[in-house]
Amino acid sequence: MKYWLFILGLGATLPAFSKTPPPLKLYPPDSVIQGVPIKKHEGLVLLELDVDGTASSIEFSRVRVKDQSYLKPNQNLQTAPMTYTLNFMDKPAGFYFFKLPKGLYQVKRIKVPYFNLPFKLDTNNRRTWRFSVDSDQVNFIGRLEIEKERVERSVRVDLINRIATKQSEIEQLIAPILKEFPLRNGVGVRDDFFSDLNKKVEASHETKLQ
């Protein structure tokens, strides 16, 4: 999913009823392998970053559905008031984990400041910026790319789900915890190819663990 994003102005403030907890902590793979406490109904979310040194961040909220990894055609998007934040300042390229409760999530805003310009992009209604989390699993949601080279009014942002080509690399990365936290694709839209791939991943894990 590739976008050339354009400055929309200074941006509106969040509604008064929105809740914004502190930014979620990003864990390098070594920290997770050594042991990160996971609460009941939480999953590990795996994101590959290539943000090229930008002081970027994303904001997202949980979608008001139960036990769904995507919205059905007749369902309207409704998100909970709590807004989660991930900050990528000074994060080198690579894989990072964070923890979230089981559910479907919508990325609502992408922020890529340009000098003193508080650039924001609203992605609230874009289905391709959704991801799903299952508990007690590693949920790979893709590779986020933000190009450092930019002009004043635009920047390239790309979110790509490459689990088909990244599966072997990821499984090697998380090998010590793969039995406890199986790998799944965290795409937040219906995709039969990825559904079949998840089944193959699960079958592969079962075969290896016998």
C-alpha atoms as a PDB file:
ATOM      1  CA  MET A   1       0.000   0.000   0.000  1.00  0.00           C
ATOM      2  CA  LYS A   2       1.932   2.965  -1.270  1.00  0.00           C
ATOM      3  CA  TYR A   3       0.924   6.555  -0.777  1.00  0.00           C
ATOM      4  CA  TRP A   4       2.246   9.968  -1.575  1.00  0.00           C
ATOM      5  CA  LEU A   5       0.937  11.860   1.399  1.00  0.00           C
ATOM      6  CA  PHE A   6       0.223  15.551   1.292  1.00  0.00           C
ATOM      7  CA  ILE A   7       0.061  18.072   4.127  1.00  0.00           C
ATOM      8  CA  LEU A   8      -3.513  18.685   5.136  1.00  0.00           C
ATOM      9  CA  GLY A   9      -2.815  21.770   7.206  1.00  0.00           C
ATOM     10  CA  LEU A  10      -2.112  21.999  10.890  1.00  0.00           C
ATOM     11  CA  GLY A  11      -4.628  19.309  11.669  1.00  0.00           C
ATOM     12  CA  ALA A  12      -7.597  19.219  13.974  1.00  0.00           C
ATOM     13  CA  THR A  13      -7.316  18.434  17.645  1.00  0.00           C
ATOM     14  CA  LEU A  14      -8.652  15.154  18.956  1.00  0.00           C
ATOM     15  CA  PRO A  15     -12.177  15.125  20.367  1.00  0.00           C
ATOM     16  CA  ALA A  16     -12.387  15.916  24.042  1.00  0.00           C
ATOM     17  CA  PHE A  17     -13.582  12.409  24.875  1.00  0.00           C
ATOM     18  CA  SER A  18     -10.626  10.662  23.237  1.00  0.00           C
ATOM     19  CA  LYS A  19      -8.256   8.867  25.569  1.00  0.00           C
ATOM     20  CA  THR A  20      -4.561   8.786  24.771  1.00  0.00           C
ATOM     21  CA  PRO A  21      -2.402   6.630  27.050  1.00  0.00           C
ATOM     22  CA  PRO A  22       1.402   6.901  26.981  1.00  0.00           C
ATOM     23  CA  PRO A  23       3.033   5.639  23.758  1.00  0.00           C
ATOM     24  CA  LEU A  24       3.358   1.886  23.526  1.00  0.00           C
ATOM     25  CA  LYS A  25       6.791   0.479  24.151  1.00  0.00           C
ATOM     26  CA  LEU A  26       8.639  -1.028  21.200  1.00  0.00           C
ATOM     27  CA  TYR A  27      10.738  -4.090  22.031  1.00  0.00           C
ATOM     28  CA  PRO A  28      13.653  -5.376  19.946  1.00  0.00           C
ATOM     29  CA  PRO A  29      13.459  -9.124  19.226  1.00  0.00           C
ATOM     30  CA  ASP A  30      16.136 -10.000  21.805  1.00  0.00           C
ATOM     31  CA  SER A  31      14.060  -8.497  24.605  1.00  0.00           C
ATOM     32  CA  VAL A  32      11.008 -10.530  23.648  1.00  0.00           C
ATOM     33  CA  ILE A  33      12.993 -13.741  23.327  1.00  0.00           C
ATOM     34  CA  GLN A  34      14.480 -13.165  26.774  1.00  0.00           C
ATOM     35  CA  GLY A  35      10.989 -12.739  28.163  1.00  0.00           C
ATOM     36  CA  VAL A  36       8.406  -9.941  28.101  1.00  0.00           C
ATOM     37  CA  PRO A  37       5.357 -10.318  30.379  1.00  0.00           C
ATOM     38  CA  ILE A  38       2.176 -10.918  28.395  1.00  0.00           C
ATOM     39  CA  LYS A  39      -1.224 -10.376  29.989  1.00  0.00           C
ATOM     40  CA  LYS A  40      -4.239 -12.579  29.399  1.00  0.00           C
ATOM     41  CA  HIS A  41      -5.851 -11.929  25.995  1.00  0.00           C
ATOM     42  CA  GLU A  42      -2.774 -10.038  24.768  1.00  0.00           C
ATOM     43  CA  GLY A  43      -0.796 -10.812  21.639  1.00  0.00           C
ATOM     44  CA  LEU A  44       2.633  -9.858  20.377  1.00  0.00           C
ATOM     45  CA  VAL A  45       2.548  -7.542  17.364  1.00  0.00           C
ATOM     46  CA  LEU A  46       5.527  -7.634  15.018  1.00  0.00           C
ATOM     47  CA  LEU A  47       6.261  -4.646  12.778  1.00  0.00           C
ATOM     48  CA  GLU A  48       9.192  -4.192  10.438  1.00  0.00           C
ATOM     49  CA  LEU A  49      10.370  -0.590  10.340  1.00  0.00           C
ATOM     50  CA  ASP A  50      12.227   1.367   7.705  1.00  0.00           C
ATOM     51  CA  VAL A  51      11.418   4.969   8.595  1.00  0.00           C
ATOM     52  CA  ASP A  52      14.795   6.374   7.601  1.00  0.00           C
ATOM     53  CA  GLY A  53      15.427   8.388  10.738  1.00  0.00           C
ATOM     54  CA  THR A  54      12.213  10.398  10.599  1.00  0.00           C
ATOM     55  CA  ALA A  55      10.581  11.546  13.842  1.00  0.00           C
ATOM     56  CA  SER A  56       7.396   9.816  12.778  1.00  0.00           C
ATOM     57  CA  SER A  57       4.553   8.203  14.694  1.00  0.00           C
ATOM     58  CA  ILE A  58       1.224   6.501  14.104  1.00  0.00           C
ATOM     59  CA  GLU A  59      -2.018   6.582  16.056  1.00  0.00           C
ATOM     60  CA  PHE A  60      -4.585   3.792  16.033  1.00  0.00           C
ATOM     61  CA  SER A  61      -7.694   2.624  17.859  1.00  0.00           C
ATOM     62  CA  ARG A  62      -9.482  -0.632  18.411  1.00  0.00           C
ATOM     63  CA  VAL A  63     -12.435  -1.345  16.129  1.00  0.00           C
ATOM     64  CA  ARG A  64     -15.726  -2.081  17.922  1.00  0.00           C
ATOM     65  CA  VAL A  65     -16.166  -5.711  16.848  1.00  0.00           C
ATOM     66  CA  LYS A  66     -15.860  -9.011  18.651  1.00  0.00           C
ATOM     67  CA  ASP A  67     -13.787 -11.959  17.468  1.00  0.00           C
ATOM     68  CA  GLN A  68     -13.319 -10.586  13.943  1.00  0.00           C
ATOM     69  CA  SER A  69     -10.086 -10.048  12.039  1.00  0.00           C
ATOM     70  CA  TYR A  70     -11.744  -7.833   9.420  1.00  0.00           C
ATOM     71  CA  LEU A  71     -14.991  -5.915   8.848  1.00  0.00           C
ATOM     72  CA  LYS A  72     -17.741  -7.572   6.859  1.00  0.00           C
ATOM     73  CA  PRO A  73     -19.177  -5.724   3.825  1.00  0.00           C
ATOM     74  CA  ASN A  74     -22.287  -4.602   5.729  1.00  0.00           C
ATOM     75  CA  GLN A  75     -20.428  -3.364   8.809  1.00  0.00           C
ATOM     76  CA  ASN A  76     -19.643   0.272   9.486  1.00  0.00           C
ATOM     77  CA  LEU A  77     -16.330   1.273  11.001  1.00  0.00           C
ATOM     78  CA  GLN A  78     -16.694   2.259  14.646  1.00  0.00           C
ATOM     79  CA  THR A  79     -13.643   2.695  16.835  1.00  0.00           C
ATOM     80  CA  ALA A  80     -13.224   2.858  20.595  1.00  0.00           C
ATOM     81  CA  PRO A  81     -12.281   6.243  22.128  1.00  0.00           C
ATOM     82  CA  MET A  82      -8.834   5.121  23.296  1.00  0.00           C
ATOM     83  CA  THR A  83      -6.039   6.099  20.913  1.00  0.00           C
ATOM     84  CA  TYR A  84      -2.772   4.153  20.980  1.00  0.00           C
ATOM     85  CA  THR A  85       0.477   5.717  19.778  1.00  0.00           C
ATOM     86  CA  LEU A  86       3.737   4.315  18.429  1.00  0.00           C
ATOM     87  CA  ASN A  87       6.709   6.654  18.200  1.00  0.00           C
ATOM     88  CA  PHE A  88       9.529   5.815  15.789  1.00  0.00           C
ATOM     89  CA  MET A  89      12.019   8.559  16.572  1.00  0.00           C
ATOM     90  CA  ASP A  90      15.620   7.286  16.500  1.00  0.00           C
ATOM     91  CA  LYS A  91      14.500   3.762  15.628  1.00  0.00           C
ATOM     92  CA  PRO A  92      16.903   2.080  13.198  1.00  0.00           C
ATOM     93  CA  ALA A  93      15.539  -0.192  10.512  1.00  0.00           C
ATOM     94  CA  GLY A  94      14.552  -3.657  11.694  1.00  0.00           C
ATOM     95  CA  PHE A  95      11.878  -5.686  13.471  1.00  0.00           C
ATOM     96  CA  TYR A  96      10.108  -4.472  16.601  1.00  0.00           C
ATOM     97  CA  PHE A  97       7.481  -5.965  18.896  1.00  0.00           C
ATOM     98  CA  PHE A  98       4.731  -4.332  20.908  1.00  0.00           C
ATOM     99  CA  LYS A  99       1.850  -5.750  22.943  1.00  0.00           C
ATOM    100  CA  LEU A 100      -1.876  -5.282  22.365  1.00  0.00           C
ATOM    101  CA  PRO A 101      -5.115  -6.916  23.480  1.00  0.00           C
ATOM    102  CA  LYS A 102      -6.775  -9.243  21.000  1.00  0.00           C
ATOM    103  CA  GLY A 103      -8.836  -7.345  18.438  1.00  0.00           C
ATOM    104  CA  LEU A 104      -9.074  -5.481  15.157  1.00  0.00           C
ATOM    105  CA  TYR A 105      -7.361  -2.076  14.923  1.00  0.00           C
ATOM    106  CA  GLN A 106      -7.535   0.914  12.609  1.00  0.00           C
ATOM    107  CA  VAL A 107      -4.563   3.191  11.988  1.00  0.00           C
ATOM    108  CA  LYS A 108      -6.118   6.660  12.195  1.00  0.00           C
ATOM    109  CA  ARG A 109      -3.231   9.063  11.722  1.00  0.00           C
ATOM    110  CA  ILE A 110       0.322   9.088  10.458  1.00  0.00           C
ATOM    111  CA  LYS A 111       2.551  11.925  11.615  1.00  0.00           C
ATOM    112  CA  VAL A 112       5.767  12.809   9.811  1.00  0.00           C
ATOM    113  CA  PRO A 113       6.934  16.259  10.996  1.00  0.00           C
ATOM    114  CA  TYR A 114       8.877  18.365   8.528  1.00  0.00           C
ATOM    115  CA  PHE A 115      10.955  20.926  10.381  1.00  0.00           C
ATOM    116  CA  ASN A 116       8.272  23.014  12.126  1.00  0.00           C
ATOM    117  CA  LEU A 117       5.378  21.696  10.030  1.00  0.00           C
ATOM    118  CA  PRO A 118       3.211  19.230  12.020  1.00  0.00           C
ATOM    119  CA  PHE A 119       2.350  17.008   9.071  1.00  0.00           C
ATOM    120  CA  LYS A 120      -0.586  14.648   9.601  1.00  0.00           C
ATOM    121  CA  LEU A 121      -2.448  12.247   7.375  1.00  0.00           C
ATOM    122  CA  ASP A 122      -5.888  10.934   8.260  1.00  0.00           C
ATOM    123  CA  THR A 123      -6.163   7.213   7.456  1.00  0.00           C
ATOM    124  CA  ASN A 124      -9.230   6.572   9.599  1.00  0.00           C
ATOM    125  CA  ASN A 125     -11.419   5.205   6.806  1.00  0.00           C
ATOM    126  CA  ARG A 126      -8.760   3.360   4.830  1.00  0.00           C
ATOM    127  CA  ARG A 127      -9.290  -0.374   5.118  1.00  0.00           C
ATOM    128  CA  THR A 128      -5.721  -1.117   4.065  1.00  0.00           C
ATOM    129  CA  TRP A 129      -4.510   0.538   7.284  1.00  0.00           C
ATOM    130  CA  ARG A 130      -6.182  -2.025   9.550  1.00  0.00           C
ATOM    131  CA  PHE A 131      -4.524  -4.891  11.351  1.00  0.00           C
ATOM    132  CA  SER A 132      -5.673  -7.703  13.605  1.00  0.00           C
ATOM    133  CA  VAL A 133      -4.199  -9.181  16.760  1.00  0.00           C
ATOM    134  CA  ASP A 134      -4.794 -12.636  18.209  1.00  0.00           C
ATOM    135  CA  SER A 135      -3.774 -13.500  21.743  1.00  0.00           C
ATOM    136  CA  ASP A 136      -0.722 -15.638  22.501  1.00  0.00           C
ATOM    137  CA  GLN A 137       0.580 -15.326  18.956  1.00  0.00           C
ATOM    138  CA  VAL A 138       3.114 -13.287  16.997  1.00  0.00           C
ATOM    139  CA  ASN A 139       0.986 -11.125  14.696  1.00  0.00           C
ATOM    140  CA  PHE A 140       3.020  -9.795  11.767  1.00  0.00           C
ATOM    141  CA  ILE A 141       1.356  -6.632  10.438  1.00  0.00           C
ATOM    142  CA  GLY A 142       3.878  -5.712   7.755  1.00  0.00           C
ATOM    143  CA  ARG A 143       6.722  -3.379   6.894  1.00  0.00           C
ATOM    144  CA  LEU A 144       6.288   0.362   7.391  1.00  0.00           C
ATOM    145  CA  GLU A 145       8.410   2.509   5.098  1.00  0.00           C
ATOM    146  CA  ILE A 146       8.664   6.296   5.398  1.00  0.00           C
ATOM    147  CA  GLU A 147      11.007   7.976   2.969  1.00  0.00           C
ATOM    148  CA  LYS A 148      13.351  10.521   4.495  1.00  0.00           C
ATOM    149  CA  GLU A 149      13.892  12.401   1.255  1.00  0.00           C
ATOM    150  CA  ARG A 150      10.839  14.591   0.773  1.00  0.00           C
ATOM    151  CA  VAL A 151       9.614  17.931  -0.377  1.00  0.00           C
ATOM    152  CA  GLU A 152       7.826  20.454   1.771  1.00  0.00           C
ATOM    153  CA  ARG A 153       4.321  19.273   1.046  1.00  0.00           C
ATOM    154  CA  SER A 154       4.589  15.525   0.462  1.00  0.00           C
ATOM    155  CA  VAL A 155       6.246  12.370   1.739  1.00  0.00           C
ATOM    156  CA  ARG A 156       6.055   8.736   0.610  1.00  0.00           C
ATOM    157  CA  VAL A 157       4.617   6.273   3.115  1.00  0.00           C
ATOM    158  CA  ASP A 158       4.255   2.586   2.379  1.00  0.00           C
ATOM    159  CA  LEU A 159       2.814  -0.249   4.486  1.00  0.00           C
ATOM    160  CA  ILE A 160       3.472  -3.646   2.934  1.00  0.00           C
ATOM    161  CA  ASN A 161       2.494  -7.047   4.251  1.00  0.00           C
ATOM    162  CA  ARG A 162       5.256  -9.373   3.102  1.00  0.00           C
ATOM    163  CA  ILE A 163       4.611 -12.412   5.259  1.00  0.00           C
ATOM    164  CA  ALA A 164       4.795 -14.697   2.210  1.00  0.00           C
ATOM    165  CA  THR A 165       8.408 -13.673   1.579  1.00  0.00           C
ATOM    166  CA  LYS A 166       9.305 -12.857   5.192  1.00  0.00           C
ATOM    167  CA  GLN A 167       8.014 -16.047   6.843  1.00  0.00           C
ATOM    168  CA  SER A 168      11.338 -17.897   6.904  1.00  0.00           C
ATOM    169  CA  GLU A 169      13.265 -14.850   8.154  1.00  0.00           C
ATOM    170  CA  ILE A 170      10.704 -14.151  10.881  1.00  0.00           C
ATOM    171  CA  GLU A 171      10.562 -17.762  12.033  1.00  0.00           C
ATOM    172  CA  GLN A 172      14.342 -17.799  12.405  1.00  0.00           C
ATOM    173  CA  LEU A 173      14.153 -14.501  14.298  1.00  0.00           C
ATOM    174  CA  ILE A 174      11.569 -15.783  16.795  1.00  0.00           C
ATOM    175  CA  ALA A 175      12.604 -19.455  16.811  1.00  0.00           C
ATOM    176  CA  PRO A 176      13.021 -19.633  20.632  1.00  0.00           C
ATOM    177  CA  ILE A 177       9.413 -18.490  21.206  1.00  0.00           C
ATOM    178  CA  LEU A 178       7.738 -19.924  18.113  1.00  0.00           C
ATOM    179  CA  LYS A 179       6.240 -22.869  19.973  1.00  0.00           C
ATOM    180  CA  GLU A 180       4.702 -20.638  22.640  1.00  0.00           C
ATOM    181  CA  PHE A 181       3.740 -17.819  20.247  1.00  0.00           C
ATOM    182  CA  PRO A 182       2.959 -19.162  16.746  1.00  0.00           C
ATOM    183  CA  LEU A 183       3.311 -16.793  13.800  1.00  0.00           C
ATOM    184  CA  ARG A 184       0.172 -15.476  12.114  1.00  0.00           C
ATOM    185  CA  ASN A 185      -0.591 -12.875   9.503  1.00  0.00           C
ATOM    186  CA  GLY A 186      -2.111  -9.770  11.077  1.00  0.00           C
ATOM    187  CA  VAL A 187      -3.688  -8.261   7.970  1.00  0.00           C
ATOM    188  CA  GLY A 188      -6.917  -6.454   8.911  1.00  0.00           C
ATOM    189  CA  VAL A 189      -8.909  -7.043   5.733  1.00  0.00           C
ATOM    190  CA  ARG A 190     -10.292 -10.183   4.189  1.00  0.00           C
ATOM    191  CA  ASP A 191      -7.744 -11.859   1.966  1.00  0.00           C
ATOM    192  CA  ASP A 192      -8.268 -15.493   1.058  1.00  0.00           C
ATOM    193  CA  PHE A 193      -4.646 -15.888  -0.020  1.00  0.00           C
ATOM    194  CA  PHE A 194      -3.421 -14.803   3.397  1.00  0.00           C
ATOM    195  CA  SER A 195      -6.044 -16.958   5.125  1.00  0.00           C
ATOM    196  CA  ASP A 196      -4.694 -19.976   3.272  1.00  0.00           C
ATOM    197  CA  LEU A 197      -1.168 -18.890   4.136  1.00  0.00           C
ATOM    198  CA  ASN A 198      -2.046 -18.693   7.838  1.00  0.00           C
ATOM    199  CA  LYS A 199      -3.380 -22.225   7.672  1.00  0.00           C
ATOM    200  CA  LYS A 200      -0.168 -23.365   5.998  1.00  0.00           C
ATOM    201  CA  VAL A 201       1.898 -21.573   8.652  1.00  0.00           C
ATOM    202  CA  GLU A 202      -0.093 -23.291  11.413  1.00  0.00           C
ATOM    203  CA  ALA A 203       0.264 -26.673   9.713  1.00  0.00           C
ATOM    204  CA  SER A 204       3.995 -26.068   9.313  1.00  0.00           C
ATOM    205  CA  HIS A 205       4.306 -25.306  13.017  1.00  0.00           C
ATOM    206  CA  GLU A 206       2.362 -28.443  13.943  1.00  0.00           C
ATOM    207  CA  THR A 207       4.607 -30.559  11.735  1.00  0.00           C
ATOM    208  CA  LYS A 208       7.774 -29.095  13.247  1.00  0.00           C
ATOM    209  CA  LEU A 209       6.559 -29.575  16.801  1.00  0.00           C
ATOM    210  CA  GLN A 210       5.570 -33.224  16.479  1.00  0.00           C
END
